[in-house]
Amino acid sequence: MVHLTRIYTRGGDKGKTSLGTGQRVSKTSHRIHAIGTVDETNASIGWARQYANAEIDLVLFRIQNDLFDLGADLCVPDLDQKALRIAEAQVLFLENQIDQINSQLNPLTSFILPGGSKISAALHMARTVARRAERDVISLSEESEINPECIKYLNRLSDLFFVLARHANGGGNKDVLWVPGAHR
């Protein structure tokens, strides 16, 4: 368990922060950018949970914990070093959730616009933040080796948010459909 007795350390006052190894890096590095966007994803889930029913909330709570695991994974760059890493089982959990929820949804007949209900809109926002986190982690992977399960996890996560948003919209019955060229 983590014990924090001080919130500020003044260690970042010159634009650097510490990784899990103690190594100091710029706060503008790809690694810190990726970790920060994973944190933004987690915060967006916290917001979505305010509108979630008990069923969705339980899934979102688990994901929030997994995203802390993902952040811990990214903050230890040396993959040979013993550290908390995202595991295949965490990716499989997302895939199982996607398959289970998607099987209950009405088939898509159009692209959908984010919205329909507060929870659905919040889940769509979380989806877009998760996509940005995925892009940032991929950018990091282009300069430094990372655990490939991190990218898989974020990719599946945004897909799960999509199906959860549709599920929250009455199984897709209250989805707001895109009408191509409707206002030409």
C-alpha atoms as a PDB file:
ATOM      1  CA  MET A   1       0.000   0.000   0.000  1.00  0.00           C
ATOM      2  CA  VAL A   2       1.158   3.532  -0.727  1.00  0.00           C
ATOM      3  CA  HIS A   3       1.520   5.999   2.159  1.00  0.00           C
ATOM      4  CA  LEU A   4       1.747   9.670   1.267  1.00  0.00           C
ATOM      5  CA  THR A   5       2.547  12.042   4.095  1.00  0.00           C
ATOM      6  CA  ARG A   6       3.420  15.078   1.977  1.00  0.00           C
ATOM      7  CA  ILE A   7       1.579  16.233  -1.104  1.00  0.00           C
ATOM      8  CA  TYR A   8       4.162  18.693  -2.368  1.00  0.00           C
ATOM      9  CA  THR A   9       7.876  17.969  -2.529  1.00  0.00           C
ATOM     10  CA  ARG A  10       9.152  20.936  -4.556  1.00  0.00           C
ATOM     11  CA  GLY A  11      10.975  18.339  -6.666  1.00  0.00           C
ATOM     12  CA  GLY A  12       9.108  19.348  -9.798  1.00  0.00           C
ATOM     13  CA  ASP A  13       9.686  23.078  -9.501  1.00  0.00           C
ATOM     14  CA  LYS A  14      12.317  23.005 -12.236  1.00  0.00           C
ATOM     15  CA  GLY A  15      10.212  21.074 -14.745  1.00  0.00           C
ATOM     16  CA  LYS A  16      11.359  17.555 -13.891  1.00  0.00           C
ATOM     17  CA  THR A  17       9.630  14.667 -12.151  1.00  0.00           C
ATOM     18  CA  SER A  18      10.648  11.236 -10.917  1.00  0.00           C
ATOM     19  CA  LEU A  19       9.799   7.917 -12.507  1.00  0.00           C
ATOM     20  CA  GLY A  20       9.184   4.802 -10.421  1.00  0.00           C
ATOM     21  CA  THR A  21      12.902   4.070 -10.622  1.00  0.00           C
ATOM     22  CA  GLY A  22      13.850   7.451  -9.158  1.00  0.00           C
ATOM     23  CA  GLN A  23      15.166   8.626 -12.540  1.00  0.00           C
ATOM     24  CA  ARG A  24      14.414  12.331 -13.151  1.00  0.00           C
ATOM     25  CA  VAL A  25      12.826  13.244 -16.490  1.00  0.00           C
ATOM     26  CA  SER A  26      11.285  16.324 -18.055  1.00  0.00           C
ATOM     27  CA  LYS A  27       7.586  16.801 -17.405  1.00  0.00           C
ATOM     28  CA  THR A  28       7.249  17.281 -21.177  1.00  0.00           C
ATOM     29  CA  SER A  29       8.713  13.866 -22.067  1.00  0.00           C
ATOM     30  CA  HIS A  30       6.611  11.392 -24.049  1.00  0.00           C
ATOM     31  CA  ARG A  31       6.533   9.104 -21.005  1.00  0.00           C
ATOM     32  CA  ILE A  32       5.142  11.747 -18.652  1.00  0.00           C
ATOM     33  CA  HIS A  33       2.737  12.901 -21.348  1.00  0.00           C
ATOM     34  CA  ALA A  34       1.421   9.331 -21.682  1.00  0.00           C
ATOM     35  CA  ILE A  35       1.151   8.827 -17.921  1.00  0.00           C
ATOM     36  CA  GLY A  36      -0.689  12.138 -17.622  1.00  0.00           C
ATOM     37  CA  THR A  37      -3.214  11.251 -20.304  1.00  0.00           C
ATOM     38  CA  VAL A  38      -3.847   7.883 -18.651  1.00  0.00           C
ATOM     39  CA  ASP A  39      -4.529   9.894 -15.475  1.00  0.00           C
ATOM     40  CA  GLU A  40      -6.939  12.145 -17.432  1.00  0.00           C
ATOM     41  CA  THR A  41      -8.735   9.011 -18.623  1.00  0.00           C
ATOM     42  CA  ASN A  42      -9.082   7.899 -15.023  1.00  0.00           C
ATOM     43  CA  ALA A  43     -10.456  11.294 -13.983  1.00  0.00           C
ATOM     44  CA  SER A  44     -12.997  11.203 -16.823  1.00  0.00           C
ATOM     45  CA  ILE A  45     -14.148   7.810 -15.548  1.00  0.00           C
ATOM     46  CA  GLY A  46     -14.567   9.297 -12.073  1.00  0.00           C
ATOM     47  CA  TRP A  47     -16.860  11.902 -13.605  1.00  0.00           C
ATOM     48  CA  ALA A  48     -18.821   9.258 -15.562  1.00  0.00           C
ATOM     49  CA  ARG A  49     -19.298   7.212 -12.393  1.00  0.00           C
ATOM     50  CA  GLN A  50     -21.391  10.049 -10.959  1.00  0.00           C
ATOM     51  CA  TYR A  51     -24.118   9.126 -13.459  1.00  0.00           C
ATOM     52  CA  ALA A  52     -23.625   5.355 -13.561  1.00  0.00           C
ATOM     53  CA  ASN A  53     -25.978   2.716 -12.241  1.00  0.00           C
ATOM     54  CA  ALA A  54     -24.541   0.041  -9.921  1.00  0.00           C
ATOM     55  CA  GLU A  55     -23.793  -2.382 -12.784  1.00  0.00           C
ATOM     56  CA  ILE A  56     -21.792   0.131 -14.840  1.00  0.00           C
ATOM     57  CA  ASP A  57     -20.202   1.670 -11.752  1.00  0.00           C
ATOM     58  CA  LEU A  58     -18.700  -1.673 -10.740  1.00  0.00           C
ATOM     59  CA  VAL A  59     -17.030  -2.059 -14.149  1.00  0.00           C
ATOM     60  CA  LEU A  60     -15.768   1.541 -14.107  1.00  0.00           C
ATOM     61  CA  PHE A  61     -14.351   1.124 -10.583  1.00  0.00           C
ATOM     62  CA  ARG A  62     -12.330  -1.899 -11.706  1.00  0.00           C
ATOM     63  CA  ILE A  63     -11.063   0.024 -14.744  1.00  0.00           C
ATOM     64  CA  GLN A  64      -9.939   2.931 -12.564  1.00  0.00           C
ATOM     65  CA  ASN A  65      -7.801   0.540 -10.542  1.00  0.00           C
ATOM     66  CA  ASP A  66      -6.417  -1.047 -13.708  1.00  0.00           C
ATOM     67  CA  LEU A  67      -5.475   2.395 -15.049  1.00  0.00           C
ATOM     68  CA  PHE A  68      -3.364   2.977 -11.933  1.00  0.00           C
ATOM     69  CA  ASP A  69      -1.656  -0.332 -12.763  1.00  0.00           C
ATOM     70  CA  LEU A  70      -1.086   0.963 -16.295  1.00  0.00           C
ATOM     71  CA  GLY A  71       0.419   4.202 -14.977  1.00  0.00           C
ATOM     72  CA  ALA A  72       2.675   2.191 -12.657  1.00  0.00           C
ATOM     73  CA  ASP A  73       3.726   0.070 -15.643  1.00  0.00           C
ATOM     74  CA  LEU A  74       4.632   3.135 -17.700  1.00  0.00           C
ATOM     75  CA  CYS A  75       6.606   4.783 -14.895  1.00  0.00           C
ATOM     76  CA  VAL A  76       9.161   1.938 -14.810  1.00  0.00           C
ATOM     77  CA  PRO A  77      10.814   2.081 -18.253  1.00  0.00           C
ATOM     78  CA  ASP A  78      13.073  -0.966 -17.932  1.00  0.00           C
ATOM     79  CA  LEU A  79      10.839  -3.913 -18.813  1.00  0.00           C
ATOM     80  CA  ASP A  80      13.356  -6.299 -17.254  1.00  0.00           C
ATOM     81  CA  GLN A  81      12.896  -4.601 -13.895  1.00  0.00           C
ATOM     82  CA  LYS A  82      10.384  -6.166 -11.545  1.00  0.00           C
ATOM     83  CA  ALA A  83       7.388  -3.840 -11.534  1.00  0.00           C
ATOM     84  CA  LEU A  84       3.623  -3.823 -11.635  1.00  0.00           C
ATOM     85  CA  ARG A  85       2.675  -4.476 -15.272  1.00  0.00           C
ATOM     86  CA  ILE A  86      -0.601  -4.588 -17.155  1.00  0.00           C
ATOM     87  CA  ALA A  87      -1.358  -8.258 -17.796  1.00  0.00           C
ATOM     88  CA  GLU A  88      -3.152 -10.047 -20.599  1.00  0.00           C
ATOM     89  CA  ALA A  89      -5.902 -10.995 -18.116  1.00  0.00           C
ATOM     90  CA  GLN A  90      -6.779  -7.316 -17.726  1.00  0.00           C
ATOM     91  CA  VAL A  91      -7.147  -6.943 -21.496  1.00  0.00           C
ATOM     92  CA  LEU A  92      -9.245 -10.128 -21.635  1.00  0.00           C
ATOM     93  CA  PHE A  93     -11.558  -8.724 -18.953  1.00  0.00           C
ATOM     94  CA  LEU A  94     -12.275  -5.745 -21.230  1.00  0.00           C
ATOM     95  CA  GLU A  95     -12.829  -8.007 -24.243  1.00  0.00           C
ATOM     96  CA  ASN A  96     -15.251 -10.185 -22.275  1.00  0.00           C
ATOM     97  CA  GLN A  97     -17.174  -7.117 -21.128  1.00  0.00           C
ATOM     98  CA  ILE A  98     -17.324  -5.774 -24.695  1.00  0.00           C
ATOM     99  CA  ASP A  99     -18.592  -9.090 -26.086  1.00  0.00           C
ATOM    100  CA  GLN A 100     -21.181  -9.541 -23.339  1.00  0.00           C
ATOM    101  CA  ILE A 101     -22.567  -5.993 -23.575  1.00  0.00           C
ATOM    102  CA  ASN A 102     -22.419  -5.750 -27.373  1.00  0.00           C
ATOM    103  CA  SER A 103     -24.405  -8.980 -27.754  1.00  0.00           C
ATOM    104  CA  GLN A 104     -27.338  -7.238 -26.026  1.00  0.00           C
ATOM    105  CA  LEU A 105     -27.293  -4.087 -28.197  1.00  0.00           C
ATOM    106  CA  ASN A 106     -29.381  -3.293 -31.234  1.00  0.00           C
ATOM    107  CA  PRO A 107     -27.242  -3.458 -34.387  1.00  0.00           C
ATOM    108  CA  LEU A 108     -25.824  -0.149 -35.565  1.00  0.00           C
ATOM    109  CA  THR A 109     -27.524   1.354 -38.609  1.00  0.00           C
ATOM    110  CA  SER A 110     -25.553   4.605 -38.580  1.00  0.00           C
ATOM    111  CA  PHE A 111     -22.720   6.256 -36.749  1.00  0.00           C
ATOM    112  CA  ILE A 112     -23.954   7.688 -33.476  1.00  0.00           C
ATOM    113  CA  LEU A 113     -23.465  11.107 -31.987  1.00  0.00           C
ATOM    114  CA  PRO A 114     -22.231  11.289 -28.386  1.00  0.00           C
ATOM    115  CA  GLY A 115     -25.145  11.881 -26.052  1.00  0.00           C
ATOM    116  CA  GLY A 116     -28.607  10.555 -25.423  1.00  0.00           C
ATOM    117  CA  SER A 117     -28.216  10.538 -21.633  1.00  0.00           C
ATOM    118  CA  LYS A 118     -25.817  12.026 -19.089  1.00  0.00           C
ATOM    119  CA  ILE A 119     -24.065   8.719 -18.471  1.00  0.00           C
ATOM    120  CA  SER A 120     -23.772   7.993 -22.179  1.00  0.00           C
ATOM    121  CA  ALA A 121     -22.311  11.445 -22.881  1.00  0.00           C
ATOM    122  CA  ALA A 122     -19.847  11.011 -19.996  1.00  0.00           C
ATOM    123  CA  LEU A 123     -18.804   7.580 -21.308  1.00  0.00           C
ATOM    124  CA  HIS A 124     -18.274   9.024 -24.792  1.00  0.00           C
ATOM    125  CA  MET A 125     -16.055  11.706 -23.242  1.00  0.00           C
ATOM    126  CA  ALA A 126     -14.098   8.996 -21.425  1.00  0.00           C
ATOM    127  CA  ARG A 127     -13.834   7.128 -24.757  1.00  0.00           C
ATOM    128  CA  THR A 128     -12.240  10.108 -26.486  1.00  0.00           C
ATOM    129  CA  VAL A 129      -9.800  10.689 -23.629  1.00  0.00           C
ATOM    130  CA  ALA A 130      -8.878   6.985 -23.671  1.00  0.00           C
ATOM    131  CA  ARG A 131      -8.207   7.259 -27.426  1.00  0.00           C
ATOM    132  CA  ARG A 132      -5.876  10.204 -26.751  1.00  0.00           C
ATOM    133  CA  ALA A 133      -4.122   8.181 -24.040  1.00  0.00           C
ATOM    134  CA  GLU A 134      -3.715   5.345 -26.533  1.00  0.00           C
ATOM    135  CA  ARG A 135      -2.128   7.729 -29.069  1.00  0.00           C
ATOM    136  CA  ASP A 136       0.227   9.113 -26.407  1.00  0.00           C
ATOM    137  CA  VAL A 137       1.280   5.619 -25.309  1.00  0.00           C
ATOM    138  CA  ILE A 138       1.856   4.630 -28.951  1.00  0.00           C
ATOM    139  CA  SER A 139       3.967   7.762 -29.395  1.00  0.00           C
ATOM    140  CA  LEU A 140       6.011   6.714 -26.352  1.00  0.00           C
ATOM    141  CA  SER A 141       6.383   3.186 -27.785  1.00  0.00           C
ATOM    142  CA  GLU A 142       7.950   4.646 -30.927  1.00  0.00           C
ATOM    143  CA  GLU A 143      10.894   5.950 -28.906  1.00  0.00           C
ATOM    144  CA  SER A 144      11.049   3.472 -26.018  1.00  0.00           C
ATOM    145  CA  GLU A 145      10.104  -0.158 -25.541  1.00  0.00           C
ATOM    146  CA  ILE A 146       6.948  -0.558 -23.453  1.00  0.00           C
ATOM    147  CA  ASN A 147       4.766  -3.424 -22.327  1.00  0.00           C
ATOM    148  CA  PRO A 148       2.571  -4.092 -25.415  1.00  0.00           C
ATOM    149  CA  GLU A 149      -0.378  -4.936 -23.156  1.00  0.00           C
ATOM    150  CA  CYS A 150      -0.630  -1.203 -22.328  1.00  0.00           C
ATOM    151  CA  ILE A 151      -1.595  -0.326 -25.902  1.00  0.00           C
ATOM    152  CA  LYS A 152      -3.964  -3.296 -26.144  1.00  0.00           C
ATOM    153  CA  TYR A 153      -5.623  -2.297 -22.883  1.00  0.00           C
ATOM    154  CA  LEU A 154      -6.241   1.297 -23.967  1.00  0.00           C
ATOM    155  CA  ASN A 155      -7.481   0.192 -27.379  1.00  0.00           C
ATOM    156  CA  ARG A 156     -10.041  -2.164 -25.843  1.00  0.00           C
ATOM    157  CA  LEU A 157     -10.947   0.381 -23.178  1.00  0.00           C
ATOM    158  CA  SER A 158     -12.224   2.920 -25.678  1.00  0.00           C
ATOM    159  CA  ASP A 159     -14.242   0.157 -27.374  1.00  0.00           C
ATOM    160  CA  LEU A 160     -15.747  -0.793 -24.017  1.00  0.00           C
ATOM    161  CA  PHE A 161     -16.730   2.807 -23.343  1.00  0.00           C
ATOM    162  CA  PHE A 162     -18.482   2.873 -26.734  1.00  0.00           C
ATOM    163  CA  VAL A 163     -20.597  -0.196 -26.007  1.00  0.00           C
ATOM    164  CA  LEU A 164     -21.234   0.920 -22.415  1.00  0.00           C
ATOM    165  CA  ALA A 165     -22.496   4.272 -23.736  1.00  0.00           C
ATOM    166  CA  ARG A 166     -24.882   2.462 -26.076  1.00  0.00           C
ATOM    167  CA  HIS A 167     -25.939   0.111 -23.279  1.00  0.00           C
ATOM    168  CA  ALA A 168     -26.675   3.141 -21.087  1.00  0.00           C
ATOM    169  CA  ASN A 169     -28.851   4.527 -23.897  1.00  0.00           C
ATOM    170  CA  GLY A 170     -31.415   1.760 -23.531  1.00  0.00           C
ATOM    171  CA  GLY A 171     -29.429  -0.841 -25.446  1.00  0.00           C
ATOM    172  CA  GLY A 172     -28.998   1.608 -28.303  1.00  0.00           C
ATOM    173  CA  ASN A 173     -32.692   2.600 -28.484  1.00  0.00           C
ATOM    174  CA  LYS A 174     -31.909   6.147 -27.346  1.00  0.00           C
ATOM    175  CA  ASP A 175     -28.722   6.562 -29.400  1.00  0.00           C
ATOM    176  CA  VAL A 176     -28.566   9.812 -31.329  1.00  0.00           C
ATOM    177  CA  LEU A 177     -27.933   8.816 -34.947  1.00  0.00           C
ATOM    178  CA  TRP A 178     -25.793  10.758 -37.375  1.00  0.00           C
ATOM    179  CA  VAL A 179     -27.723  11.794 -40.462  1.00  0.00           C
ATOM    180  CA  PRO A 180     -25.132  12.407 -43.201  1.00  0.00           C
ATOM    181  CA  GLY A 181     -25.639  15.737 -44.963  1.00  0.00           C
ATOM    182  CA  ALA A 182     -28.754  16.537 -42.943  1.00  0.00           C
ATOM    183  CA  HIS A 183     -28.069  20.274 -42.865  1.00  0.00           C
ATOM    184  CA  ARG A 184     -26.678  21.005 -46.304  1.00  0.00           C
END
